[in-house]
PDB file of N, CA and C in Angstrom:
ATOM      1  N   MET A   1     111.392   5.884   2.077  1.00  0.00           N
ATOM      2  CA  MET A   1     110.251   5.219   2.894  1.00  0.00           C
ATOM      3  C   MET A   1     109.302   6.028   3.387  1.00  0.00           C
ATOM      4  N   SER A   2     108.110   6.033   2.737  1.00  0.00           N
ATOM      5  CA  SER A   2     107.009   7.050   3.085  1.00  0.00           C
ATOM      6  C   SER A   2     106.006   6.058   3.904  1.00  0.00           C
ATOM      7  N   ASP A   3     105.257   6.656   4.765  1.00  0.00           N
ATOM      8  CA  ASP A   3     104.123   5.975   5.414  1.00  0.00           C
ATOM      9  C   ASP A   3     103.020   5.780   4.629  1.00  0.00           C
ATOM     10  N   MET A   4     102.394   4.520   4.675  1.00  0.00           N
ATOM     11  CA  MET A   4     101.206   4.110   3.874  1.00  0.00           C
ATOM     12  C   MET A   4     100.294   3.764   4.872  1.00  0.00           C
ATOM     13  N   LYS A   5      98.892   3.842   4.494  1.00  0.00           N
ATOM     14  CA  LYS A   5      97.843   3.579   5.457  1.00  0.00           C
ATOM     15  C   LYS A   5      97.006   2.377   4.950  1.00  0.00           C
ATOM     16  N   ILE A   6      96.396   1.736   6.143  1.00  0.00           N
ATOM     17  CA  ILE A   6      95.463   0.884   5.928  1.00  0.00           C
ATOM     18  C   ILE A   6      94.199   1.513   6.747  1.00  0.00           C
ATOM     19  N   GLU A   7      93.020   1.569   6.159  1.00  0.00           N
ATOM     20  CA  GLU A   7      91.875   2.151   6.820  1.00  0.00           C
ATOM     21  C   GLU A   7      90.570   1.240   6.915  1.00  0.00           C
ATOM     22  N   ASN A   8      90.158   0.984   8.124  1.00  0.00           N
ATOM     23  CA  ASN A   8      88.876   0.306   8.349  1.00  0.00           C
ATOM     24  C   ASN A   8      88.699  -1.042   7.657  1.00  0.00           C
ATOM     25  N   LYS A   9      89.814  -1.813   7.957  1.00  0.00           N
ATOM     26  CA  LYS A   9      89.901  -3.142   7.289  1.00  0.00           C
ATOM     27  C   LYS A   9      89.667  -4.293   8.395  1.00  0.00           C
ATOM     28  N   LYS A  10      89.134  -5.327   7.981  1.00  0.00           N
ATOM     29  CA  LYS A  10      88.830  -6.564   8.955  1.00  0.00           C
ATOM     30  C   LYS A  10      90.195  -7.465   8.715  1.00  0.00           C
ATOM     31  N   ILE A  11      90.672  -8.106   9.827  1.00  0.00           N
ATOM     32  CA  ILE A  11      91.843  -8.886   9.616  1.00  0.00           C
ATOM     33  C   ILE A  11      91.252 -10.228   9.255  1.00  0.00           C
ATOM     34  N   SER A  12      92.261 -11.048   8.639  1.00  0.00           N
ATOM     35  CA  SER A  12      91.779 -12.473   8.293  1.00  0.00           C
ATOM     36  C   SER A  12      92.732 -13.464   9.279  1.00  0.00           C
ATOM     37  N   ASP A  13      93.789 -13.119   9.752  1.00  0.00           N
ATOM     38  CA  ASP A  13      94.497 -13.935  10.724  1.00  0.00           C
ATOM     39  C   ASP A  13      95.375 -12.960  11.569  1.00  0.00           C
ATOM     40  N   TYR A  14      95.695 -13.467  12.802  1.00  0.00           N
ATOM     41  CA  TYR A  14      96.564 -12.880  13.639  1.00  0.00           C
ATOM     42  C   TYR A  14      97.413 -13.899  14.364  1.00  0.00           C
ATOM     43  N   LYS A  15      98.727 -13.633  14.386  1.00  0.00           N
ATOM     44  CA  LYS A  15      99.613 -14.668  14.895  1.00  0.00           C
ATOM     45  C   LYS A  15     100.637 -13.858  15.874  1.00  0.00           C
ATOM     46  N   LEU A  16     101.147 -14.581  16.868  1.00  0.00           N
ATOM     47  CA  LEU A  16     102.142 -13.976  17.839  1.00  0.00           C
ATOM     48  C   LEU A  16     103.392 -15.043  17.864  1.00  0.00           C
ATOM     49  N   TYR A  17     104.596 -14.376  17.903  1.00  0.00           N
ATOM     50  CA  TYR A  17     105.682 -15.100  17.989  1.00  0.00           C
ATOM     51  C   TYR A  17     106.646 -14.518  19.031  1.00  0.00           C
ATOM     52  N   LEU A  18     107.137 -15.354  20.006  1.00  0.00           N
ATOM     53  CA  LEU A  18     107.961 -14.878  21.184  1.00  0.00           C
ATOM     54  C   LEU A  18     109.237 -14.501  20.552  1.00  0.00           C
ATOM     55  N   LYS A  19     109.859 -13.287  20.847  1.00  0.00           N
ATOM     56  CA  LYS A  19     111.017 -12.751  20.360  1.00  0.00           C
ATOM     57  C   LYS A  19     112.253 -12.996  21.345  1.00  0.00           C
ATOM     58  N   GLU A  20     111.825 -12.809  22.628  1.00  0.00           N
ATOM     59  CA  GLU A  20     112.713 -12.825  23.742  1.00  0.00           C
ATOM     60  C   GLU A  20     113.004 -14.361  24.158  1.00  0.00           C
ATOM     61  N   ASN A  21     114.013 -14.560  25.044  1.00  0.00           N
ATOM     62  CA  ASN A  21     114.279 -15.805  25.596  1.00  0.00           C
ATOM     63  C   ASN A  21     113.098 -16.305  26.467  1.00  0.00           C
ATOM     64  N   SER A  22     112.691 -17.594  26.313  1.00  0.00           N
ATOM     65  CA  SER A  22     111.589 -18.149  27.123  1.00  0.00           C
ATOM     66  C   SER A  22     111.874 -18.154  28.639  1.00  0.00           C
ATOM     67  N   ARG A  23     110.785 -18.014  29.383  1.00  0.00           N
ATOM     68  CA  ARG A  23     110.961 -18.009  30.680  1.00  0.00           C
ATOM     69  C   ARG A  23     109.806 -18.799  31.291  1.00  0.00           C
ATOM     70  N   PRO A  24     110.151 -19.805  32.374  1.00  0.00           N
ATOM     71  CA  PRO A  24     109.198 -20.548  32.983  1.00  0.00           C
ATOM     72  C   PRO A  24     108.166 -19.612  33.820  1.00  0.00           C
ATOM     73  N   PRO A  25     106.831 -20.272  33.988  1.00  0.00           N
ATOM     74  CA  PRO A  25     105.907 -19.486  34.650  1.00  0.00           C
ATOM     75  C   PRO A  25     106.351 -19.059  36.019  1.00  0.00           C
ATOM     76  N   SER A  26     107.077 -19.908  36.754  1.00  0.00           N
ATOM     77  CA  SER A  26     107.670 -19.675  38.139  1.00  0.00           C
ATOM     78  C   SER A  26     108.466 -18.358  38.181  1.00  0.00           C
ATOM     79  N   LYS A  27     109.115 -18.018  37.182  1.00  0.00           N
ATOM     80  CA  LYS A  27     110.028 -16.803  36.982  1.00  0.00           C
ATOM     81  C   LYS A  27     109.180 -15.680  36.314  1.00  0.00           C
ATOM     82  N   GLY A  28     108.026 -15.723  36.186  1.00  0.00           N
ATOM     83  CA  GLY A  28     107.248 -14.679  35.572  1.00  0.00           C
ATOM     84  C   GLY A  28     106.554 -14.873  34.309  1.00  0.00           C
ATOM     85  N   GLY A  29     107.020 -15.942  33.522  1.00  0.00           N
ATOM     86  CA  GLY A  29     106.243 -16.410  32.267  1.00  0.00           C
ATOM     87  C   GLY A  29     106.728 -15.459  31.043  1.00  0.00           C
ATOM     88  N   ASN A  30     105.974 -15.820  30.048  1.00  0.00           N
ATOM     89  CA  ASN A  30     106.245 -15.058  28.806  1.00  0.00           C
ATOM     90  C   ASN A  30     105.196 -13.895  28.394  1.00  0.00           C
ATOM     91  N   THR A  31     104.240 -13.701  29.379  1.00  0.00           N
ATOM     92  CA  THR A  31     103.114 -12.832  29.033  1.00  0.00           C
ATOM     93  C   THR A  31     103.641 -11.491  28.662  1.00  0.00           C
ATOM     94  N   SER A  32     104.495 -10.859  29.531  1.00  0.00           N
ATOM     95  CA  SER A  32     104.955  -9.503  29.244  1.00  0.00           C
ATOM     96  C   SER A  32     106.305  -9.432  28.351  1.00  0.00           C
ATOM     97  N   ALA A  33     106.685 -10.524  27.709  1.00  0.00           N
ATOM     98  CA  ALA A  33     108.001 -10.532  26.970  1.00  0.00           C
ATOM     99  C   ALA A  33     107.719  -9.944  25.718  1.00  0.00           C
ATOM    100  N   LEU A  34     108.790  -9.524  24.786  1.00  0.00           N
ATOM    101  CA  LEU A  34     108.612  -8.947  23.509  1.00  0.00           C
ATOM    102  C   LEU A  34     108.040 -10.049  22.557  1.00  0.00           C
ATOM    103  N   HIS A  35     107.036  -9.652  21.705  1.00  0.00           N
ATOM    104  CA  HIS A  35     106.474 -10.588  20.714  1.00  0.00           C
ATOM    105  C   HIS A  35     106.377  -9.961  19.523  1.00  0.00           C
ATOM    106  N   SER A  36     106.422 -10.726  18.518  1.00  0.00           N
ATOM    107  CA  SER A  36     106.178 -10.163  17.100  1.00  0.00           C
ATOM    108  C   SER A  36     104.748 -10.566  16.776  1.00  0.00           C
ATOM    109  N   HIS A  37     103.902  -9.523  16.581  1.00  0.00           N
ATOM    110  CA  HIS A  37     102.547  -9.752  16.203  1.00  0.00           C
ATOM    111  C   HIS A  37     102.349  -9.437  14.753  1.00  0.00           C
ATOM    112  N   VAL A  38     101.877 -10.449  14.034  1.00  0.00           N
ATOM    113  CA  VAL A  38     101.614 -10.470  12.559  1.00  0.00           C
ATOM    114  C   VAL A  38     100.147 -10.576  12.213  1.00  0.00           C
ATOM    115  N   ILE A  39      99.718  -9.610  11.388  1.00  0.00           N
ATOM    116  CA  ILE A  39      98.423  -9.384  10.973  1.00  0.00           C
ATOM    117  C   ILE A  39      98.310  -9.661   9.501  1.00  0.00           C
ATOM    118  N   ASP A  40      97.359 -10.580   9.101  1.00  0.00           N
ATOM    119  CA  ASP A  40      96.987 -10.720   7.683  1.00  0.00           C
ATOM    120  C   ASP A  40      95.823 -10.077   7.327  1.00  0.00           C
ATOM    121  N   ILE A  41      95.826  -9.179   6.357  1.00  0.00           N
ATOM    122  CA  ILE A  41      94.607  -8.413   5.893  1.00  0.00           C
ATOM    123  C   ILE A  41      94.584  -8.515   4.347  1.00  0.00           C
ATOM    124  N   GLU A  42      93.540  -9.315   3.668  1.00  0.00           N
ATOM    125  CA  GLU A  42      93.456  -9.478   2.280  1.00  0.00           C
ATOM    126  C   GLU A  42      94.674  -9.979   1.567  1.00  0.00           C
ATOM    127  N   ASP A  43      95.219 -11.035   2.068  1.00  0.00           N
ATOM    128  CA  ASP A  43      96.518 -11.768   1.718  1.00  0.00           C
ATOM    129  C   ASP A  43      97.818 -11.042   1.720  1.00  0.00           C
ATOM    130  N   GLU A  44      97.795  -9.851   2.484  1.00  0.00           N
ATOM    131  CA  GLU A  44      98.820  -9.097   2.875  1.00  0.00           C
ATOM    132  C   GLU A  44      99.387  -9.249   4.158  1.00  0.00           C
ATOM    133  N   THR A  45     100.600  -9.324   4.581  1.00  0.00           N
ATOM    134  CA  THR A  45     101.104  -9.662   5.852  1.00  0.00           C
ATOM    135  C   THR A  45     101.681  -8.338   6.439  1.00  0.00           C
ATOM    136  N   TYR A  46     101.441  -7.831   7.573  1.00  0.00           N
ATOM    137  CA  TYR A  46     101.794  -6.661   8.192  1.00  0.00           C
ATOM    138  C   TYR A  46     102.318  -7.137   9.705  1.00  0.00           C
ATOM    139  N   SER A  47     103.348  -6.588  10.277  1.00  0.00           N
ATOM    140  CA  SER A  47     103.817  -7.079  11.619  1.00  0.00           C
ATOM    141  C   SER A  47     104.351  -5.770  12.251  1.00  0.00           C
ATOM    142  N   PHE A  48     104.412  -5.990  13.667  1.00  0.00           N
ATOM    143  CA  PHE A  48     105.063  -5.034  14.593  1.00  0.00           C
ATOM    144  C   PHE A  48     105.406  -5.759  15.788  1.00  0.00           C
ATOM    145  N   LEU A  49     106.430  -5.096  16.501  1.00  0.00           N
ATOM    146  CA  LEU A  49     106.778  -5.783  17.718  1.00  0.00           C
ATOM    147  C   LEU A  49     106.291  -4.970  18.905  1.00  0.00           C
ATOM    148  N   ALA A  50     105.898  -5.771  19.901  1.00  0.00           N
ATOM    149  CA  ALA A  50     105.244  -5.061  21.157  1.00  0.00           C
ATOM    150  C   ALA A  50     105.385  -6.122  22.437  1.00  0.00           C
ATOM    151  N   LEU A  51     105.353  -5.490  23.409  1.00  0.00           N
ATOM    152  CA  LEU A  51     105.478  -6.338  24.713  1.00  0.00           C
ATOM    153  C   LEU A  51     104.049  -6.955  24.961  1.00  0.00           C
ATOM    154  N   GLY A  52     104.123  -8.144  25.319  1.00  0.00           N
ATOM    155  CA  GLY A  52     102.964  -8.916  25.802  1.00  0.00           C
ATOM    156  C   GLY A  52     102.416  -9.707  24.775  1.00  0.00           C
ATOM    157  N   SER A  53     101.687 -10.806  25.220  1.00  0.00           N
ATOM    158  CA  SER A  53     100.956 -11.725  24.231  1.00  0.00           C
ATOM    159  C   SER A  53      99.475 -11.500  24.017  1.00  0.00           C
ATOM    160  N   GLN A  54      99.169 -10.290  24.552  1.00  0.00           N
ATOM    161  CA  GLN A  54      97.697  -9.914  24.317  1.00  0.00           C
ATOM    162  C   GLN A  54      97.455  -9.451  22.845  1.00  0.00           C
ATOM    163  N   GLN A  55      96.440  -9.885  22.374  1.00  0.00           N
ATOM    164  CA  GLN A  55      96.009  -9.594  21.010  1.00  0.00           C
ATOM    165  C   GLN A  55      95.511  -8.251  20.854  1.00  0.00           C
ATOM    166  N   TRP A  56      95.943  -7.473  20.069  1.00  0.00           N
ATOM    167  CA  TRP A  56      95.580  -5.923  19.746  1.00  0.00           C
ATOM    168  C   TRP A  56      94.353  -5.863  18.809  1.00  0.00           C
ATOM    169  N   VAL A  57      94.211  -6.801  17.997  1.00  0.00           N
ATOM    170  CA  VAL A  57      92.881  -6.677  17.084  1.00  0.00           C
ATOM    171  C   VAL A  57      92.446  -8.119  16.971  1.00  0.00           C
ATOM    172  N   PHE A  58      90.956  -8.125  17.145  1.00  0.00           N
ATOM    173  CA  PHE A  58      90.194  -9.450  16.839  1.00  0.00           C
ATOM    174  C   PHE A  58      89.590  -9.390  15.616  1.00  0.00           C
ATOM    175  N   LYS A  59      89.155 -10.691  15.064  1.00  0.00           N
ATOM    176  CA  LYS A  59      88.544 -10.687  13.757  1.00  0.00           C
ATOM    177  C   LYS A  59      87.306  -9.886  13.552  1.00  0.00           C
ATOM    178  N   THR A  60      86.571  -9.652  14.602  1.00  0.00           N
ATOM    179  CA  THR A  60      85.338  -8.915  14.503  1.00  0.00           C
ATOM    180  C   THR A  60      85.497  -7.580  14.464  1.00  0.00           C
ATOM    181  N   ASP A  61      86.902  -6.936  14.699  1.00  0.00           N
ATOM    182  CA  ASP A  61      87.109  -5.527  14.690  1.00  0.00           C
ATOM    183  C   ASP A  61      87.542  -5.076  13.382  1.00  0.00           C
ATOM    184  N   LYS A  62      87.520  -3.802  13.208  1.00  0.00           N
ATOM    185  CA  LYS A  62      88.036  -3.095  12.033  1.00  0.00           C
ATOM    186  C   LYS A  62      89.238  -2.335  12.504  1.00  0.00           C
ATOM    187  N   VAL A  63      90.320  -2.278  11.835  1.00  0.00           N
ATOM    188  CA  VAL A  63      91.494  -1.648  12.100  1.00  0.00           C
ATOM    189  C   VAL A  63      91.947  -0.618  11.115  1.00  0.00           C
ATOM    190  N   SER A  64      92.696   0.351  11.643  1.00  0.00           N
ATOM    191  CA  SER A  64      93.414   1.330  10.880  1.00  0.00           C
ATOM    192  C   SER A  64      94.824   1.519  11.292  1.00  0.00           C
ATOM    193  N   PHE A  65      95.727   1.713  10.472  1.00  0.00           N
ATOM    194  CA  PHE A  65      97.153   1.965  10.865  1.00  0.00           C
ATOM    195  C   PHE A  65      97.882   2.478   9.819  1.00  0.00           C
ATOM    196  N   SER A  66      99.094   3.053  10.118  1.00  0.00           N
ATOM    197  CA  SER A  66     100.115   3.342   8.988  1.00  0.00           C
ATOM    198  C   SER A  66     101.332   2.331   9.223  1.00  0.00           C
ATOM    199  N   PHE A  67     101.981   2.143   8.061  1.00  0.00           N
ATOM    200  CA  PHE A  67     103.071   1.247   7.929  1.00  0.00           C
ATOM    201  C   PHE A  67     104.094   1.843   6.976  1.00  0.00           C
ATOM    202  N   GLU A  68     105.231   1.190   7.145  1.00  0.00           N
ATOM    203  CA  GLU A  68     106.320   1.575   6.111  1.00  0.00           C
ATOM    204  C   GLU A  68     106.826   0.219   5.807  1.00  0.00           C
ATOM    205  N   ILE A  69     107.490   0.273   4.598  1.00  0.00           N
ATOM    206  CA  ILE A  69     108.068  -1.022   3.991  1.00  0.00           C
ATOM    207  C   ILE A  69     109.588  -0.881   4.255  1.00  0.00           C
ATOM    208  N   ASN A  70     110.238  -1.896   4.971  1.00  0.00           N
ATOM    209  CA  ASN A  70     111.455  -1.901   5.221  1.00  0.00           C
ATOM    210  C   ASN A  70     112.144  -3.294   4.849  1.00  0.00           C
ATOM    211  N   SER A  71     112.849  -3.337   3.942  1.00  0.00           N
ATOM    212  CA  SER A  71     113.520  -4.500   3.517  1.00  0.00           C
ATOM    213  C   SER A  71     112.401  -5.773   3.005  1.00  0.00           C
ATOM    214  N   GLY A  72     111.431  -5.125   2.441  1.00  0.00           N
ATOM    215  CA  GLY A  72     110.299  -6.068   2.006  1.00  0.00           C
ATOM    216  C   GLY A  72     109.269  -6.366   3.075  1.00  0.00           C
ATOM    217  N   TYR A  73     109.560  -5.903   4.285  1.00  0.00           N
ATOM    218  CA  TYR A  73     108.630  -6.144   5.395  1.00  0.00           C
ATOM    219  C   TYR A  73     107.647  -4.962   5.623  1.00  0.00           C
ATOM    220  N   LYS A  74     106.455  -5.245   5.910  1.00  0.00           N
ATOM    221  CA  LYS A  74     105.380  -4.085   6.163  1.00  0.00           C
ATOM    222  C   LYS A  74     105.394  -3.880   7.616  1.00  0.00           C
ATOM    223  N   ASN A  75     106.102  -3.002   8.191  1.00  0.00           N
ATOM    224  CA  ASN A  75     106.132  -2.799   9.579  1.00  0.00           C
ATOM    225  C   ASN A  75     105.061  -1.739  10.061  1.00  0.00           C
ATOM    226  N   ILE A  76     104.171  -2.135  10.907  1.00  0.00           N
ATOM    227  CA  ILE A  76     103.267  -1.228  11.429  1.00  0.00           C
ATOM    228  C   ILE A  76     103.857  -0.322  12.397  1.00  0.00           C
ATOM    229  N   THR A  77     103.430   1.005  12.444  1.00  0.00           N
ATOM    230  CA  THR A  77     103.942   1.948  13.414  1.00  0.00           C
ATOM    231  C   THR A  77     102.850   1.781  14.534  1.00  0.00           C
ATOM    232  N   THR A  78     103.230   1.309  15.725  1.00  0.00           N
ATOM    233  CA  THR A  78     102.442   0.787  16.697  1.00  0.00           C
ATOM    234  C   THR A  78     101.638   1.971  17.309  1.00  0.00           C
ATOM    235  N   GLU A  79     102.183   3.257  17.378  1.00  0.00           N
ATOM    236  CA  GLU A  79     101.348   4.314  17.834  1.00  0.00           C
ATOM    237  C   GLU A  79     100.196   4.726  16.960  1.00  0.00           C
ATOM    238  N   SER A  80     100.043   4.184  15.670  1.00  0.00           N
ATOM    239  CA  SER A  80      98.961   4.588  14.718  1.00  0.00           C
ATOM    240  C   SER A  80      97.924   3.528  14.665  1.00  0.00           C
ATOM    241  N   ILE A  81      98.022   2.537  15.468  1.00  0.00           N
ATOM    242  CA  ILE A  81      96.906   1.516  15.431  1.00  0.00           C
ATOM    243  C   ILE A  81      95.615   1.957  16.207  1.00  0.00           C
ATOM    244  N   LEU A  82      94.597   2.040  15.373  1.00  0.00           N
ATOM    245  CA  LEU A  82      93.228   2.447  15.874  1.00  0.00           C
ATOM    246  C   LEU A  82      92.311   1.133  15.639  1.00  0.00           C
ATOM    247  N   THR A  83      91.733   0.775  16.761  1.00  0.00           N
ATOM    248  CA  THR A  83      90.894  -0.445  16.536  1.00  0.00           C
ATOM    249  C   THR A  83      89.512  -0.117  17.016  1.00  0.00           C
ATOM    250  N   ILE A  84      88.555  -0.429  15.973  1.00  0.00           N
ATOM    251  CA  ILE A  84      87.059  -0.235  16.202  1.00  0.00           C
ATOM    252  C   ILE A  84      86.334  -1.498  16.433  1.00  0.00           C
ATOM    253  N   ASP A  85      85.755  -1.719  17.536  1.00  0.00           N
ATOM    254  CA  ASP A  85      85.098  -3.015  17.820  1.00  0.00           C
ATOM    255  C   ASP A  85      83.794  -3.038  17.000  1.00  0.00           C
ATOM    256  N   ARG A  86      83.026  -4.266  17.318  1.00  0.00           N
ATOM    257  CA  ARG A  86      81.860  -4.447  16.388  1.00  0.00           C
ATOM    258  C   ARG A  86      80.689  -3.424  16.663  1.00  0.00           C
ATOM    259  N   LYS A  87      80.813  -2.800  17.868  1.00  0.00           N
ATOM    260  CA  LYS A  87      79.752  -1.816  18.209  1.00  0.00           C
ATOM    261  C   LYS A  87      80.107  -0.392  17.850  1.00  0.00           C
ATOM    262  N   GLY A  88      81.328  -0.429  17.073  1.00  0.00           N
ATOM    263  CA  GLY A  88      81.584   1.055  16.496  1.00  0.00           C
ATOM    264  C   GLY A  88      82.473   1.776  17.474  1.00  0.00           C
ATOM    265  N   GLN A  89      82.809   1.286  18.635  1.00  0.00           N
ATOM    266  CA  GLN A  89      83.632   2.168  19.694  1.00  0.00           C
ATOM    267  C   GLN A  89      85.074   1.790  19.418  1.00  0.00           C
ATOM    268  N   ALA A  90      85.867   2.856  19.609  1.00  0.00           N
ATOM    269  CA  ALA A  90      87.319   2.795  19.519  1.00  0.00           C
ATOM    270  C   ALA A  90      87.826   2.221  20.774  1.00  0.00           C
ATOM    271  N   VAL A  91      88.681   1.158  20.669  1.00  0.00           N
ATOM    272  CA  VAL A  91      89.163   0.379  21.930  1.00  0.00           C
ATOM    273  C   VAL A  91      90.782   0.334  21.739  1.00  0.00           C
ATOM    274  N   ILE A  92      91.201   0.302  22.962  1.00  0.00           N
ATOM    275  CA  ILE A  92      92.761   0.246  23.143  1.00  0.00           C
ATOM    276  C   ILE A  92      93.032  -1.181  23.636  1.00  0.00           C
ATOM    277  N   ARG A  93      93.684  -1.887  22.920  1.00  0.00           N
ATOM    278  CA  ARG A  93      94.186  -3.243  23.398  1.00  0.00           C
ATOM    279  C   ARG A  93      95.691  -3.551  23.449  1.00  0.00           C
ATOM    280  N   GLY A  94      96.159  -4.608  24.164  1.00  0.00           N
ATOM    281  CA  GLY A  94      97.480  -4.831  24.110  1.00  0.00           C
ATOM    282  C   GLY A  94      98.370  -3.867  25.032  1.00  0.00           C
ATOM    283  N   ASN A  95      99.433  -4.389  25.302  1.00  0.00           N
ATOM    284  CA  ASN A  95     100.347  -3.592  26.273  1.00  0.00           C
ATOM    285  C   ASN A  95     101.180  -2.662  25.316  1.00  0.00           C
ATOM    286  N   ARG A  96     100.971  -1.460  25.605  1.00  0.00           N
ATOM    287  CA  ARG A  96     101.536  -0.363  24.765  1.00  0.00           C
ATOM    288  C   ARG A  96     102.867   0.222  25.339  1.00  0.00           C
ATOM    289  N   GLY A  97     103.396  -0.407  26.307  1.00  0.00           N
ATOM    290  CA  GLY A  97     104.638  -0.037  27.095  1.00  0.00           C
ATOM    291  C   GLY A  97     105.791  -0.429  26.374  1.00  0.00           C
ATOM    292  N   TYR A  98     106.899  -0.094  26.994  1.00  0.00           N
ATOM    293  CA  TYR A  98     108.212  -0.589  26.428  1.00  0.00           C
ATOM    294  C   TYR A  98     109.137  -0.983  27.507  1.00  0.00           C
ATOM    295  N   LYS A  99     110.320  -1.662  27.295  1.00  0.00           N
ATOM    296  CA  LYS A  99     111.186  -2.089  28.107  1.00  0.00           C
ATOM    297  C   LYS A  99     112.653  -1.569  27.677  1.00  0.00           C
ATOM    298  N   GLN A 100     113.383  -1.003  28.684  1.00  0.00           N
ATOM    299  CA  GLN A 100     114.693  -0.450  28.430  1.00  0.00           C
ATOM    300  C   GLN A 100     115.580  -1.560  27.768  1.00  0.00           C
ATOM    301  N   THR A 101     115.676  -2.831  28.593  1.00  0.00           N
ATOM    302  CA  THR A 101     116.512  -3.803  28.125  1.00  0.00           C
ATOM    303  C   THR A 101     115.596  -4.989  27.897  1.00  0.00           C
ATOM    304  N   LEU A 102     116.151  -5.956  26.915  1.00  0.00           N
ATOM    305  CA  LEU A 102     115.516  -7.167  26.576  1.00  0.00           C
ATOM    306  C   LEU A 102     116.094  -8.375  27.379  1.00  0.00           C
ATOM    307  N   ARG A 103     115.364  -9.416  27.615  1.00  0.00           N
ATOM    308  CA  ARG A 103     115.854 -10.659  28.225  1.00  0.00           C
ATOM    309  C   ARG A 103     117.079 -11.119  27.462  1.00  0.00           C
ATOM    310  N   THR A 104     118.141 -11.492  28.165  1.00  0.00           N
ATOM    311  CA  THR A 104     119.319 -12.022  27.492  1.00  0.00           C
ATOM    312  C   THR A 104     119.543 -13.349  28.223  1.00  0.00           C
ATOM    313  N   ALA A 105     119.262 -13.624  29.508  1.00  0.00           N
ATOM    314  CA  ALA A 105     119.669 -14.847  30.099  1.00  0.00           C
ATOM    315  C   ALA A 105     118.766 -16.009  29.697  1.00  0.00           C
ATOM    316  N   THR A 106     119.230 -17.164  29.285  1.00  0.00           N
ATOM    317  CA  THR A 106     118.599 -18.351  29.077  1.00  0.00           C
ATOM    318  C   THR A 106     118.064 -18.944  30.333  1.00  0.00           C
ATOM    319  N   THR A 107     117.124 -19.855  30.162  1.00  0.00           N
ATOM    320  CA  THR A 107     116.530 -20.506  31.267  1.00  0.00           C
ATOM    321  C   THR A 107     117.536 -21.629  31.798  1.00  0.00           C
ATOM    322  N   ARG A 108     117.702 -21.848  32.981  1.00  0.00           N
ATOM    323  CA  ARG A 108     118.555 -22.976  33.568  1.00  0.00           C
ATOM    324  C   ARG A 108     117.706 -24.075  34.078  1.00  0.00           C
ATOM    325  N   MET A 109     118.363 -25.200  34.146  1.00  0.00           N
ATOM    326  CA  MET A 109     117.775 -26.396  34.817  1.00  0.00           C
ATOM    327  C   MET A 109     117.317 -26.129  36.290  1.00  0.00           C
ATOM    328  N   PRO A 110     116.367 -26.581  36.854  1.00  0.00           N
ATOM    329  CA  PRO A 110     115.801 -26.253  38.238  1.00  0.00           C
ATOM    330  C   PRO A 110     116.713 -27.207  39.058  1.00  0.00           C
ATOM    331  N   ALA A 111     117.866 -26.863  39.264  1.00  0.00           N
ATOM    332  CA  ALA A 111     118.884 -27.546  40.147  1.00  0.00           C
ATOM    333  C   ALA A 111     119.940 -26.395  40.549  1.00  0.00           C
ATOM    334  N   SER A 112     120.666 -26.713  41.602  1.00  0.00           N
ATOM    335  CA  SER A 112     121.725 -25.954  42.029  1.00  0.00           C
ATOM    336  C   SER A 112     122.880 -26.040  41.164  1.00  0.00           C
ATOM    337  N   GLN A 113     123.803 -25.021  41.240  1.00  0.00           N
ATOM    338  CA  GLN A 113     125.082 -25.129  40.515  1.00  0.00           C
ATOM    339  C   GLN A 113     125.829 -26.368  40.767  1.00  0.00           C
ATOM    340  N   ARG A 114     125.849 -26.811  42.040  1.00  0.00           N
ATOM    341  CA  ARG A 114     126.610 -27.958  42.485  1.00  0.00           C
ATOM    342  C   ARG A 114     126.014 -29.271  41.886  1.00  0.00           C
ATOM    343  N   GLU A 115     124.711 -29.332  41.791  1.00  0.00           N
ATOM    344  CA  GLU A 115     124.052 -30.501  41.245  1.00  0.00           C
ATOM    345  C   GLU A 115     124.256 -30.584  39.753  1.00  0.00           C
ATOM    346  N   GLN A 116     124.356 -29.334  39.051  1.00  0.00           N
ATOM    347  CA  GLN A 116     124.544 -29.281  37.702  1.00  0.00           C
ATOM    348  C   GLN A 116     125.919 -29.973  37.321  1.00  0.00           C
ATOM    349  N   ARG A 117     126.849 -29.598  38.039  1.00  0.00           N
ATOM    350  CA  ARG A 117     128.368 -29.981  37.933  1.00  0.00           C
ATOM    351  C   ARG A 117     128.465 -31.557  37.910  1.00  0.00           C
ATOM    352  N   ASP A 118     127.622 -32.213  38.857  1.00  0.00           N
ATOM    353  CA  ASP A 118     127.838 -33.667  39.261  1.00  0.00           C
ATOM    354  C   ASP A 118     127.261 -34.541  37.924  1.00  0.00           C
TER     355      ASP A 118
END
């Protein structure tokens, strides 16, 4: 598995998929949860996992990154993503942090334990 590169390409589509258990807005919402980010460039699909639902690349931007093919999937190395906006400036978008543990608890009905038993 060697790293391959994409350089100065415009994206044709950008999709997000929630990977952790959903959480209601009153408990913090899903904005900072783990998401799968899927980028389409010239009929090829590339993806990466990152925290947050913030988009890393817009259609007006040019993007460069390295990726590796693993089990048929083209996985982007998140540290290598370089986004150039329409003015030619390098910009950093998205939540580039990480979490030690992922969400495992599922959401419960908004009722007490006693009310759920009845």
